[in-house]
C-alpha atoms as a PDB file:
ATOM      1  CA  MET A   1      24.028 -59.295 -44.085  1.00  0.00           C
ATOM      2  CA  ASN A   2      25.916 -55.987 -44.178  1.00  0.00           C
ATOM      3  CA  ARG A   3      24.780 -52.878 -42.399  1.00  0.00           C
ATOM      4  CA  THR A   4      23.191 -51.250 -45.436  1.00  0.00           C
ATOM      5  CA  LEU A   5      21.135 -54.316 -46.319  1.00  0.00           C
ATOM      6  CA  LEU A   6      20.042 -54.692 -42.693  1.00  0.00           C
ATOM      7  CA  TYR A   7      18.636 -51.191 -42.606  1.00  0.00           C
ATOM      8  CA  LEU A   8      16.967 -51.641 -45.978  1.00  0.00           C
ATOM      9  CA  ALA A   9      15.284 -54.768 -44.655  1.00  0.00           C
ATOM     10  CA  LEU A  10      14.133 -52.902 -41.556  1.00  0.00           C
ATOM     11  CA  ILE A  11      12.745 -50.016 -43.558  1.00  0.00           C
ATOM     12  CA  ALA A  12      10.922 -52.452 -45.861  1.00  0.00           C
ATOM     13  CA  SER A  13       9.319 -53.974 -42.793  1.00  0.00           C
ATOM     14  CA  LEU A  14       8.259 -50.632 -41.370  1.00  0.00           C
ATOM     15  CA  SER A  15       6.932 -49.323 -44.662  1.00  0.00           C
ATOM     16  CA  GLY A  16       4.438 -52.101 -45.120  1.00  0.00           C
ATOM     17  CA  CYS A  17       6.171 -54.758 -47.199  1.00  0.00           C
ATOM     18  CA  GLY A  18       5.405 -57.335 -44.545  1.00  0.00           C
ATOM     19  CA  SER A  19       7.475 -58.474 -41.582  1.00  0.00           C
ATOM     20  CA  VAL A  20      11.004 -59.232 -42.684  1.00  0.00           C
ATOM     21  CA  VAL A  21      12.057 -62.634 -41.410  1.00  0.00           C
ATOM     22  CA  GLN A  22      15.812 -62.903 -41.675  1.00  0.00           C
ATOM     23  CA  GLU A  23      17.773 -66.114 -41.740  1.00  0.00           C
ATOM     24  CA  ARG A  24      20.176 -64.675 -39.217  1.00  0.00           C
ATOM     25  CA  LEU A  25      19.541 -63.571 -35.660  1.00  0.00           C
ATOM     26  CA  TYR A  26      21.895 -61.211 -33.892  1.00  0.00           C
ATOM     27  CA  PHE A  27      22.801 -62.126 -30.321  1.00  0.00           C
ATOM     28  CA  GLN A  28      23.412 -58.671 -28.889  1.00  0.00           C
ATOM     29  CA  GLY A  29      24.697 -59.563 -25.455  1.00  0.00           C
ATOM     30  CA  SER A  30      23.977 -61.321 -22.201  1.00  0.00           C
ATOM     31  CA  GLU A  31      24.692 -61.047 -18.493  1.00  0.00           C
ATOM     32  CA  ILE A  32      26.349 -64.282 -17.369  1.00  0.00           C
ATOM     33  CA  ASP A  33      27.866 -65.023 -13.977  1.00  0.00           C
ATOM     34  CA  GLU A  34      28.258 -67.949 -11.565  1.00  0.00           C
ATOM     35  CA  GLU A  35      24.652 -67.619 -10.439  1.00  0.00           C
ATOM     36  CA  HIS A  36      23.393 -67.267 -14.025  1.00  0.00           C
ATOM     37  CA  PRO A  37      25.374 -69.641 -16.273  1.00  0.00           C
ATOM     38  CA  ALA A  38      24.778 -70.089 -19.992  1.00  0.00           C
ATOM     39  CA  THR A  39      22.132 -72.780 -20.533  1.00  0.00           C
ATOM     40  CA  TYR A  40      20.941 -72.413 -24.126  1.00  0.00           C
ATOM     41  CA  LEU A  41      22.581 -70.863 -27.214  1.00  0.00           C
ATOM     42  CA  GLY A  42      25.161 -69.361 -24.898  1.00  0.00           C
ATOM     43  CA  LEU A  43      22.456 -67.430 -23.031  1.00  0.00           C
ATOM     44  CA  PRO A  44      21.599 -67.618 -19.303  1.00  0.00           C
ATOM     45  CA  LEU A  45      18.010 -68.797 -19.735  1.00  0.00           C
ATOM     46  CA  THR A  46      15.795 -70.329 -17.045  1.00  0.00           C
ATOM     47  CA  SER A  47      12.118 -71.210 -16.823  1.00  0.00           C
ATOM     48  CA  GLY A  48       9.795 -68.405 -15.819  1.00  0.00           C
ATOM     49  CA  GLN A  49      11.813 -65.560 -17.291  1.00  0.00           C
ATOM     50  CA  ILE A  50      10.015 -62.626 -18.908  1.00  0.00           C
ATOM     51  CA  VAL A  51      10.461 -62.001 -22.630  1.00  0.00           C
ATOM     52  CA  LEU A  52       9.816 -58.497 -23.962  1.00  0.00           C
ATOM     53  CA  GLY A  53       9.529 -57.922 -27.697  1.00  0.00           C
ATOM     54  CA  GLU A  54       9.366 -55.022 -30.107  1.00  0.00           C
ATOM     55  CA  ALA A  55       7.316 -55.906 -33.163  1.00  0.00           C
ATOM     56  CA  PRO A  56       8.174 -54.468 -36.568  1.00  0.00           C
ATOM     57  CA  GLY A  57       5.694 -52.262 -38.361  1.00  0.00           C
ATOM     58  CA  ALA A  58       3.780 -49.017 -38.043  1.00  0.00           C
ATOM     59  CA  TYR A  59       1.522 -50.356 -35.292  1.00  0.00           C
ATOM     60  CA  SER A  60       4.440 -50.424 -32.850  1.00  0.00           C
ATOM     61  CA  PHE A  61       4.705 -46.654 -33.373  1.00  0.00           C
ATOM     62  CA  LEU A  62       0.956 -46.317 -32.905  1.00  0.00           C
ATOM     63  CA  PHE A  63       1.155 -48.178 -29.585  1.00  0.00           C
ATOM     64  CA  GLY A  64       4.095 -45.959 -28.599  1.00  0.00           C
ATOM     65  CA  LEU A  65       1.886 -42.875 -28.838  1.00  0.00           C
ATOM     66  CA  GLY A  66      -0.691 -44.337 -26.488  1.00  0.00           C
ATOM     67  CA  LEU A  67       0.728 -43.510 -23.055  1.00  0.00           C
ATOM     68  CA  GLU A  68       1.224 -40.198 -21.293  1.00  0.00           C
ATOM     69  CA  THR A  69       4.871 -41.187 -20.813  1.00  0.00           C
ATOM     70  CA  TYR A  70       6.572 -43.140 -23.605  1.00  0.00           C
ATOM     71  CA  VAL A  71       7.973 -46.589 -22.745  1.00  0.00           C
ATOM     72  CA  ASN A  72       9.791 -49.214 -24.813  1.00  0.00           C
ATOM     73  CA  PHE A  73       8.478 -52.565 -26.123  1.00  0.00           C
ATOM     74  CA  THR A  74       5.094 -53.610 -27.468  1.00  0.00           C
ATOM     75  CA  HIS A  75       4.792 -57.241 -26.386  1.00  0.00           C
ATOM     76  CA  ALA A  76       5.404 -59.509 -23.372  1.00  0.00           C
ATOM     77  CA  ALA A  77       5.614 -63.278 -22.918  1.00  0.00           C
ATOM     78  CA  ILE A  78       6.927 -66.015 -20.610  1.00  0.00           C
ATOM     79  CA  LEU A  79       9.899 -68.313 -21.310  1.00  0.00           C
ATOM     80  CA  ILE A  80       9.959 -71.964 -20.209  1.00  0.00           C
ATOM     81  CA  MET A  81      12.815 -74.433 -20.682  1.00  0.00           C
ATOM     82  CA  GLU A  82      11.506 -77.802 -21.881  1.00  0.00           C
ATOM     83  CA  GLU A  83      13.755 -80.752 -22.693  1.00  0.00           C
ATOM     84  CA  GLY A  84      16.757 -78.482 -22.937  1.00  0.00           C
ATOM     85  CA  LYS A  85      15.135 -76.008 -25.318  1.00  0.00           C
ATOM     86  CA  ALA A  86      13.716 -72.521 -24.717  1.00  0.00           C
ATOM     87  CA  TYR A  87      10.050 -71.937 -25.556  1.00  0.00           C
ATOM     88  CA  VAL A  88       8.132 -68.675 -25.445  1.00  0.00           C
ATOM     89  CA  TYR A  89       4.449 -68.608 -24.444  1.00  0.00           C
ATOM     90  CA  GLU A  90       2.456 -65.587 -25.597  1.00  0.00           C
ATOM     91  CA  MET A  91      -1.119 -64.399 -25.975  1.00  0.00           C
ATOM     92  CA  THR A  92      -1.404 -63.137 -29.521  1.00  0.00           C
ATOM     93  CA  GLY A  93      -4.061 -62.185 -32.044  1.00  0.00           C
ATOM     94  CA  GLU A  94      -4.295 -61.695 -35.783  1.00  0.00           C
ATOM     95  CA  TYR A  95      -6.888 -60.139 -38.051  1.00  0.00           C
ATOM     96  CA  ASP A  96      -8.864 -62.820 -39.885  1.00  0.00           C
ATOM     97  CA  GLY A  97     -11.967 -60.831 -40.772  1.00  0.00           C
ATOM     98  CA  ILE A  98     -13.335 -60.019 -44.198  1.00  0.00           C
ATOM     99  CA  GLY A  99     -13.435 -56.245 -43.940  1.00  0.00           C
ATOM    100  CA  LEU A 100     -17.159 -56.014 -43.185  1.00  0.00           C
ATOM    101  CA  GLU A 101     -16.771 -55.619 -39.411  1.00  0.00           C
ATOM    102  CA  ASP A 102     -17.671 -52.365 -37.666  1.00  0.00           C
ATOM    103  CA  THR A 103     -13.986 -51.967 -36.816  1.00  0.00           C
ATOM    104  CA  PRO A 104     -10.819 -54.012 -37.529  1.00  0.00           C
ATOM    105  CA  THR A 105     -10.734 -55.033 -33.870  1.00  0.00           C
ATOM    106  CA  ASP A 106     -13.903 -57.066 -34.383  1.00  0.00           C
ATOM    107  CA  GLY A 107     -12.019 -59.285 -36.841  1.00  0.00           C
ATOM    108  CA  ILE A 108      -9.091 -60.142 -34.584  1.00  0.00           C
ATOM    109  CA  ARG A 109      -8.838 -63.714 -33.280  1.00  0.00           C
ATOM    110  CA  GLY A 110      -6.097 -65.221 -31.166  1.00  0.00           C
ATOM    111  CA  PHE A 111      -4.908 -67.715 -28.589  1.00  0.00           C
ATOM    112  CA  CYS A 112      -1.960 -68.692 -26.378  1.00  0.00           C
ATOM    113  CA  ARG A 113       0.897 -69.655 -28.687  1.00  0.00           C
ATOM    114  CA  ARG A 114       4.062 -71.644 -27.930  1.00  0.00           C
ATOM    115  CA  LEU A 115       7.161 -70.915 -30.033  1.00  0.00           C
ATOM    116  CA  THR A 116      10.837 -71.666 -29.755  1.00  0.00           C
ATOM    117  CA  LEU A 117      12.849 -68.641 -28.704  1.00  0.00           C
ATOM    118  CA  GLU A 118      14.389 -68.519 -32.178  1.00  0.00           C
ATOM    119  CA  GLU A 119      10.966 -68.517 -33.862  1.00  0.00           C
ATOM    120  CA  TYR A 120       9.755 -65.803 -31.535  1.00  0.00           C
ATOM    121  CA  ALA A 121      12.841 -63.656 -32.136  1.00  0.00           C
ATOM    122  CA  HIS A 122      12.550 -64.040 -35.920  1.00  0.00           C
ATOM    123  CA  GLY A 123       9.074 -62.526 -35.719  1.00  0.00           C
ATOM    124  CA  ASN A 124      10.214 -59.518 -33.704  1.00  0.00           C
ATOM    125  CA  LEU A 125      12.540 -56.664 -34.394  1.00  0.00           C
ATOM    126  CA  TYR A 126      14.177 -56.908 -30.970  1.00  0.00           C
ATOM    127  CA  VAL A 127      13.813 -59.124 -27.878  1.00  0.00           C
ATOM    128  CA  GLU A 128      15.082 -58.867 -24.303  1.00  0.00           C
ATOM    129  CA  VAL A 129      14.959 -61.537 -21.598  1.00  0.00           C
ATOM    130  CA  TYR A 130      14.598 -60.628 -17.915  1.00  0.00           C
ATOM    131  CA  ASP A 131      14.786 -62.631 -14.707  1.00  0.00           C
ATOM    132  CA  LEU A 132      11.705 -62.742 -12.517  1.00  0.00           C
ATOM    133  CA  PRO A 133      11.515 -60.143  -9.727  1.00  0.00           C
ATOM    134  CA  PRO A 134      12.774 -61.300  -6.326  1.00  0.00           C
ATOM    135  CA  ASN A 135      10.365 -63.367  -4.253  1.00  0.00           C
ATOM    136  CA  VAL A 136       8.295 -64.448  -7.252  1.00  0.00           C
ATOM    137  CA  ASP A 137       7.892 -68.228  -7.316  1.00  0.00           C
ATOM    138  CA  ALA A 138       8.997 -69.418 -10.759  1.00  0.00           C
ATOM    139  CA  LYS A 139       7.230 -72.768 -10.372  1.00  0.00           C
ATOM    140  CA  LYS A 140       3.883 -71.048  -9.860  1.00  0.00           C
ATOM    141  CA  VAL A 141       4.531 -68.736 -12.811  1.00  0.00           C
ATOM    142  CA  ILE A 142       5.263 -71.784 -14.974  1.00  0.00           C
ATOM    143  CA  ALA A 143       2.186 -73.625 -13.714  1.00  0.00           C
ATOM    144  CA  TYR A 144      -0.079 -70.687 -14.533  1.00  0.00           C
ATOM    145  CA  THR A 145       1.490 -70.272 -17.979  1.00  0.00           C
ATOM    146  CA  GLN A 146       1.064 -73.936 -18.873  1.00  0.00           C
ATOM    147  CA  ASP A 147      -2.497 -73.940 -17.542  1.00  0.00           C
ATOM    148  CA  VAL A 148      -3.404 -71.029 -19.834  1.00  0.00           C
ATOM    149  CA  TYR A 149      -1.821 -72.876 -22.757  1.00  0.00           C
ATOM    150  CA  GLU A 150      -3.917 -75.964 -21.992  1.00  0.00           C
ATOM    151  CA  ARG A 151      -7.163 -74.013 -21.466  1.00  0.00           C
ATOM    152  CA  GLN A 152      -6.662 -71.735 -24.491  1.00  0.00           C
ATOM    153  CA  PRO A 153      -8.768 -68.729 -23.457  1.00  0.00           C
ATOM    154  CA  GLU A 154      -9.657 -66.304 -26.235  1.00  0.00           C
ATOM    155  CA  PHE A 155      -7.355 -63.419 -27.057  1.00  0.00           C
ATOM    156  CA  ASP A 156      -8.807 -60.101 -25.876  1.00  0.00           C
ATOM    157  CA  ALA A 157      -8.500 -57.688 -28.796  1.00  0.00           C
ATOM    158  CA  TYR A 158     -10.302 -55.002 -26.779  1.00  0.00           C
ATOM    159  CA  LEU A 159      -7.627 -54.894 -24.049  1.00  0.00           C
ATOM    160  CA  ASP A 160     -10.099 -55.046 -21.174  1.00  0.00           C
ATOM    161  CA  TYR A 161      -8.167 -55.571 -17.934  1.00  0.00           C
ATOM    162  CA  SER A 162     -11.306 -55.513 -15.786  1.00  0.00           C
ATOM    163  CA  GLU A 163     -12.043 -59.174 -16.608  1.00  0.00           C
ATOM    164  CA  HIS A 164      -9.703 -62.117 -17.142  1.00  0.00           C
ATOM    165  CA  GLU A 165     -11.768 -64.626 -19.111  1.00  0.00           C
ATOM    166  CA  LYS A 166     -10.151 -63.316 -22.286  1.00  0.00           C
ATOM    167  CA  LEU A 167      -6.497 -62.286 -22.157  1.00  0.00           C
ATOM    168  CA  PHE A 168      -4.141 -59.964 -23.999  1.00  0.00           C
ATOM    169  CA  CYS A 169      -0.367 -60.283 -23.876  1.00  0.00           C
ATOM    170  CA  THR A 170       0.605 -58.073 -20.940  1.00  0.00           C
ATOM    171  CA  GLU A 171      -2.451 -59.159 -18.954  1.00  0.00           C
ATOM    172  CA  PHE A 172      -1.324 -62.771 -19.386  1.00  0.00           C
ATOM    173  CA  VAL A 173       2.194 -62.009 -18.116  1.00  0.00           C
ATOM    174  CA  ALA A 174       0.951 -59.889 -15.219  1.00  0.00           C
ATOM    175  CA  LEU A 175      -1.404 -62.635 -14.035  1.00  0.00           C
ATOM    176  CA  ALA A 176       1.382 -65.215 -14.367  1.00  0.00           C
ATOM    177  CA  LEU A 177       3.649 -63.133 -12.132  1.00  0.00           C
ATOM    178  CA  GLU A 178       0.845 -62.460  -9.680  1.00  0.00           C
ATOM    179  CA  ALA A 179       0.231 -66.217  -9.516  1.00  0.00           C
ATOM    180  CA  GLY A 180       3.866 -66.446  -8.427  1.00  0.00           C
ATOM    181  CA  GLY A 181       3.353 -63.966  -5.605  1.00  0.00           C
ATOM    182  CA  HIS A 182       3.976 -60.602  -7.261  1.00  0.00           C
ATOM    183  CA  GLU A 183       1.802 -57.764  -6.010  1.00  0.00           C
ATOM    184  CA  PRO A 184      -0.924 -56.617  -8.426  1.00  0.00           C
ATOM    185  CA  PHE A 185       0.440 -54.474 -11.232  1.00  0.00           C
ATOM    186  CA  LYS A 186      -0.631 -50.856 -11.450  1.00  0.00           C
ATOM    187  CA  LEU A 187      -2.104 -49.670 -14.710  1.00  0.00           C
ATOM    188  CA  VAL A 188      -0.740 -46.465 -16.217  1.00  0.00           C
ATOM    189  CA  PRO A 189      -2.591 -43.535 -17.858  1.00  0.00           C
ATOM    190  CA  ILE A 190      -3.545 -43.695 -21.520  1.00  0.00           C
ATOM    191  CA  ARG A 191      -2.850 -40.442 -23.356  1.00  0.00           C
ATOM    192  CA  GLN A 192      -5.988 -38.320 -23.622  1.00  0.00           C
ATOM    193  CA  HIS A 193      -4.944 -36.885 -26.969  1.00  0.00           C
ATOM    194  CA  PRO A 194      -8.100 -35.946 -28.943  1.00  0.00           C
ATOM    195  CA  ASP A 195      -7.059 -37.573 -32.232  1.00  0.00           C
ATOM    196  CA  TYR A 196      -5.705 -40.683 -30.491  1.00  0.00           C
ATOM    197  CA  GLN A 197      -8.858 -41.038 -28.416  1.00  0.00           C
ATOM    198  CA  ARG A 198     -10.997 -40.897 -31.564  1.00  0.00           C
ATOM    199  CA  LEU A 199      -8.976 -43.805 -32.934  1.00  0.00           C
ATOM    200  CA  LEU A 200      -9.395 -45.804 -29.709  1.00  0.00           C
ATOM    201  CA  THR A 201     -13.138 -45.167 -29.838  1.00  0.00           C
ATOM    202  CA  TRP A 202     -13.265 -46.541 -33.381  1.00  0.00           C
ATOM    203  CA  PHE A 203     -11.232 -49.586 -32.282  1.00  0.00           C
ATOM    204  CA  LYS A 204     -13.613 -50.021 -29.309  1.00  0.00           C
ATOM    205  CA  VAL A 205     -10.705 -49.886 -26.865  1.00  0.00           C
ATOM    206  CA  GLU A 206     -11.456 -46.607 -25.091  1.00  0.00           C
ATOM    207  CA  ARG A 207      -9.470 -46.855 -21.880  1.00  0.00           C
ATOM    208  CA  LYS A 208      -8.114 -44.421 -19.314  1.00  0.00           C
ATOM    209  CA  LEU A 209      -5.520 -46.920 -18.064  1.00  0.00           C
ATOM    210  CA  GLY A 210      -3.372 -49.599 -19.688  1.00  0.00           C
ATOM    211  CA  LEU A 211      -0.609 -52.082 -18.929  1.00  0.00           C
ATOM    212  CA  PRO A 212       2.456 -51.612 -21.168  1.00  0.00           C
ATOM    213  CA  ALA A 213       5.049 -54.333 -21.703  1.00  0.00           C
ATOM    214  CA  ALA A 214       7.666 -52.092 -20.111  1.00  0.00           C
ATOM    215  CA  SER A 215       5.915 -52.685 -16.756  1.00  0.00           C
ATOM    216  CA  PHE A 216       8.006 -55.870 -16.556  1.00  0.00           C
ATOM    217  CA  ALA A 217      11.372 -54.353 -17.577  1.00  0.00           C
ATOM    218  CA  ASP A 218      14.119 -53.770 -15.025  1.00  0.00           C
ATOM    219  CA  GLU A 219      17.690 -53.270 -16.236  1.00  0.00           C
ATOM    220  CA  SER A 220      19.047 -54.911 -13.081  1.00  0.00           C
ATOM    221  CA  ARG A 221      17.263 -58.147 -14.119  1.00  0.00           C
ATOM    222  CA  TRP A 222      18.265 -58.037 -17.807  1.00  0.00           C
ATOM    223  CA  ARG A 223      19.838 -61.314 -18.946  1.00  0.00           C
ATOM    224  CA  ALA A 224      20.004 -61.379 -22.749  1.00  0.00           C
ATOM    225  CA  SER A 225      19.081 -59.629 -26.003  1.00  0.00           C
ATOM    226  CA  LEU A 226      18.600 -60.929 -29.530  1.00  0.00           C
ATOM    227  CA  GLY A 227      16.773 -60.041 -32.715  1.00  0.00           C
ATOM    228  CA  GLN A 228      17.053 -58.510 -36.161  1.00  0.00           C
ATOM    229  CA  LEU A 229      19.019 -55.431 -35.111  1.00  0.00           C
ATOM    230  CA  PRO A 230      22.805 -55.843 -34.884  1.00  0.00           C
ATOM    231  CA  CYS A 231      23.336 -54.581 -31.321  1.00  0.00           C
ATOM    232  CA  ARG A 232      21.633 -53.074 -28.274  1.00  0.00           C
ATOM    233  CA  THR A 233      22.778 -49.583 -29.257  1.00  0.00           C
ATOM    234  CA  SER A 234      20.878 -49.948 -32.542  1.00  0.00           C
ATOM    235  CA  ALA A 235      17.795 -51.137 -30.663  1.00  0.00           C
ATOM    236  CA  TYR A 236      17.866 -48.223 -28.254  1.00  0.00           C
ATOM    237  CA  SER A 237      18.437 -45.774 -31.114  1.00  0.00           C
ATOM    238  CA  TYR A 238      15.199 -47.140 -32.560  1.00  0.00           C
ATOM    239  CA  PHE A 239      13.464 -46.726 -29.187  1.00  0.00           C
ATOM    240  CA  ALA A 240      14.822 -43.175 -28.863  1.00  0.00           C
ATOM    241  CA  ALA A 241      13.382 -42.323 -32.284  1.00  0.00           C
ATOM    242  CA  LYS A 242       9.985 -43.684 -31.237  1.00  0.00           C
ATOM    243  CA  ALA A 243      10.198 -41.700 -27.994  1.00  0.00           C
ATOM    244  CA  GLU A 244      10.976 -38.508 -29.895  1.00  0.00           C
ATOM    245  CA  VAL A 245       7.975 -38.987 -32.193  1.00  0.00           C
ATOM    246  CA  SER A 246       5.846 -39.559 -29.107  1.00  0.00           C
ATOM    247  CA  ARG A 247       7.244 -36.465 -27.357  1.00  0.00           C
ATOM    248  CA  ARG A 248       6.384 -34.308 -30.351  1.00  0.00           C
ATOM    249  CA  PHE A 249       2.875 -35.731 -30.710  1.00  0.00           C
ATOM    250  CA  THR A 250       1.239 -32.835 -28.867  1.00  0.00           C
ATOM    251  CA  ALA A 251      -2.471 -32.006 -28.768  1.00  0.00           C
ATOM    252  CA  ASP A 252      -2.244 -29.959 -31.974  1.00  0.00           C
ATOM    253  CA  GLN A 253      -0.833 -32.914 -33.934  1.00  0.00           C
ATOM    254  CA  LYS A 254      -2.886 -35.345 -36.006  1.00  0.00           C
ATOM    255  CA  LEU A 255      -2.303 -39.054 -36.490  1.00  0.00           C
ATOM    256  CA  GLY A 256      -2.063 -38.256 -40.182  1.00  0.00           C
ATOM    257  CA  ASN A 257       1.178 -36.395 -39.480  1.00  0.00           C
ATOM    258  CA  VAL A 258       2.751 -39.725 -38.497  1.00  0.00           C
ATOM    259  CA  PHE A 259       0.783 -42.332 -40.469  1.00  0.00           C
ATOM    260  CA  ARG A 260      -0.969 -42.725 -43.785  1.00  0.00           C
ATOM    261  CA  MET A 261      -3.837 -45.078 -44.526  1.00  0.00           C
ATOM    262  CA  GLU A 262      -3.252 -48.150 -46.673  1.00  0.00           C
ATOM    263  CA  GLY A 263      -6.309 -49.907 -48.043  1.00  0.00           C
ATOM    264  CA  ILE A 264      -9.439 -50.136 -45.890  1.00  0.00           C
ATOM    265  CA  ALA A 265      -7.975 -50.284 -42.403  1.00  0.00           C
ATOM    266  CA  ASP A 266      -4.198 -50.549 -42.468  1.00  0.00           C
ATOM    267  CA  ILE A 267      -1.605 -47.905 -41.715  1.00  0.00           C
ATOM    268  CA  ARG A 268       1.954 -47.106 -42.809  1.00  0.00           C
ATOM    269  CA  LEU A 269       4.514 -44.700 -41.453  1.00  0.00           C
ATOM    270  CA  ARG A 270       4.942 -41.525 -43.464  1.00  0.00           C
ATOM    271  CA  ASP A 271       8.121 -41.227 -45.509  1.00  0.00           C
ATOM    272  CA  GLU A 272       9.470 -38.443 -43.289  1.00  0.00           C
ATOM    273  CA  ILE A 273       9.141 -40.621 -40.194  1.00  0.00           C
ATOM    274  CA  LEU A 274      10.801 -43.543 -41.955  1.00  0.00           C
ATOM    275  CA  MET A 275      13.700 -41.330 -42.973  1.00  0.00           C
ATOM    276  CA  PHE A 276      14.061 -40.088 -39.395  1.00  0.00           C
ATOM    277  CA  LEU A 277      14.099 -43.660 -38.125  1.00  0.00           C
ATOM    278  CA  ASN A 278      16.632 -44.738 -40.721  1.00  0.00           C
ATOM    279  CA  ARG A 279      18.952 -41.831 -39.947  1.00  0.00           C
ATOM    280  CA  SER A 280      18.588 -42.470 -36.204  1.00  0.00           C
ATOM    281  CA  LEU A 281      19.808 -46.038 -36.668  1.00  0.00           C
ATOM    282  CA  ARG A 282      22.827 -44.753 -38.585  1.00  0.00           C
ATOM    283  CA  LEU A 283      23.927 -42.303 -35.892  1.00  0.00           C
ATOM    284  CA  PHE A 284      26.079 -44.886 -34.133  1.00  0.00           C
ATOM    285  CA  PRO A 285      28.491 -47.591 -35.253  1.00  0.00           C
ATOM    286  CA  ILE A 286      27.594 -51.204 -34.544  1.00  0.00           C
ATOM    287  CA  THR A 287      28.832 -51.876 -31.027  1.00  0.00           C
ATOM    288  CA  PRO A 288      28.462 -55.572 -30.186  1.00  0.00           C
ATOM    289  CA  GLN A 289      29.868 -55.084 -26.694  1.00  0.00           C
ATOM    290  CA  ARG A 290      27.805 -53.023 -24.283  1.00  0.00           C
ATOM    291  CA  ARG A 291      25.037 -50.591 -25.152  1.00  0.00           C
ATOM    292  CA  LEU A 292      26.134 -46.958 -25.298  1.00  0.00           C
ATOM    293  CA  PRO A 293      24.784 -44.772 -22.467  1.00  0.00           C
ATOM    294  CA  LEU A 294      21.104 -43.974 -22.899  1.00  0.00           C
ATOM    295  CA  ASP A 295      21.581 -40.225 -22.433  1.00  0.00           C
ATOM    296  CA  GLU A 296      24.126 -40.190 -25.270  1.00  0.00           C
ATOM    297  CA  ILE A 297      21.781 -42.088 -27.580  1.00  0.00           C
ATOM    298  CA  GLN A 298      18.780 -39.938 -26.703  1.00  0.00           C
ATOM    299  CA  ALA A 299      20.675 -36.656 -27.080  1.00  0.00           C
ATOM    300  CA  LYS A 300      21.897 -37.479 -30.586  1.00  0.00           C
ATOM    301  CA  VAL A 301      18.489 -38.712 -31.730  1.00  0.00           C
ATOM    302  CA  ARG A 302      16.823 -35.580 -30.363  1.00  0.00           C
ATOM    303  CA  ALA A 303      19.383 -33.382 -32.123  1.00  0.00           C
ATOM    304  CA  LEU A 304      18.593 -35.198 -35.362  1.00  0.00           C
ATOM    305  CA  ALA A 305      14.870 -34.606 -34.818  1.00  0.00           C
ATOM    306  CA  ASP A 306      15.535 -30.894 -34.303  1.00  0.00           C
ATOM    307  CA  GLU A 307      17.510 -30.851 -37.546  1.00  0.00           C
ATOM    308  CA  MET A 308      14.807 -32.627 -39.551  1.00  0.00           C
ATOM    309  CA  PHE A 309      11.602 -31.292 -37.993  1.00  0.00           C
ATOM    310  CA  GLY A 310      12.593 -28.132 -36.115  1.00  0.00           C
ATOM    311  CA  SER A 311      13.100 -27.653 -32.423  1.00  0.00           C
ATOM    312  CA  ALA A 312      10.481 -28.722 -29.891  1.00  0.00           C
ATOM    313  CA  GLU A 313       9.958 -27.840 -26.262  1.00  0.00           C
ATOM    314  CA  ASP A 314      11.903 -30.013 -23.862  1.00  0.00           C
ATOM    315  CA  THR A 315       8.739 -31.106 -22.046  1.00  0.00           C
ATOM    316  CA  PRO A 316       6.523 -34.149 -22.549  1.00  0.00           C
ATOM    317  CA  PRO A 317       3.079 -33.590 -24.132  1.00  0.00           C
ATOM    318  CA  SER A 318       0.117 -33.114 -21.851  1.00  0.00           C
END
């Protein structure tokens, strides 16, 4: 697929034509050495690793607005090697209601799902694999993960971290790592933006604190990247665009400036935001080697935002 068709496919995904599942996955790089040899598809994969994903669609932008400080990724899971193949275990939910619920959240059902790494990557825009933090026992992480898969607790669509009978994706990964000896994870502040808080109230997920997928990211433990984007620079151009939208989403902004409603309870990105995203992805050539420096990516994306939307203060929103 050439570059133009790739971006058209991405834009179709983000504008509500459904998730684009491509026949081809891009392997955007890996960190291999004597201690971390290639084990599967040329990637240095081992059981217990953390898998972070960025889902396609407008909801990934909605989640990106939710924290006081923007962070990358919308999903987290655990990888386990079984019979020479890599499988990803995730807590996931889907809407299966009939539209008569008080809120769409009431119609979400889910469970712990087991997918091959390739299947998981096909369903995401971008995926990164990380080693476990030092001193975390991989065997205990694996045991917890497999126990959850056997028990099949309900998916927690209300994102309540105060109880663990039902689980959402990052809660599942945090508890797996804590089972392996990691200290308890600290929750981070949810943005107290008036329009965003009204949405959370409607969804019945009013929270002051949350646990983003980026809680598990550490560049020093990065091992591999793959997905529907051609390289890591493209992925981080996408993240930089999301971060810029989040930075500009100040208290005077409305969700309607970023999204438009589709049907009863679905959302789509506005055309202006889609154009900004598309142009952000085109700022850099495809670089299959190493990712360009983050400050270079962020500076060019911010300059593009200034060009398209006008300048904004160089401070995060309160």
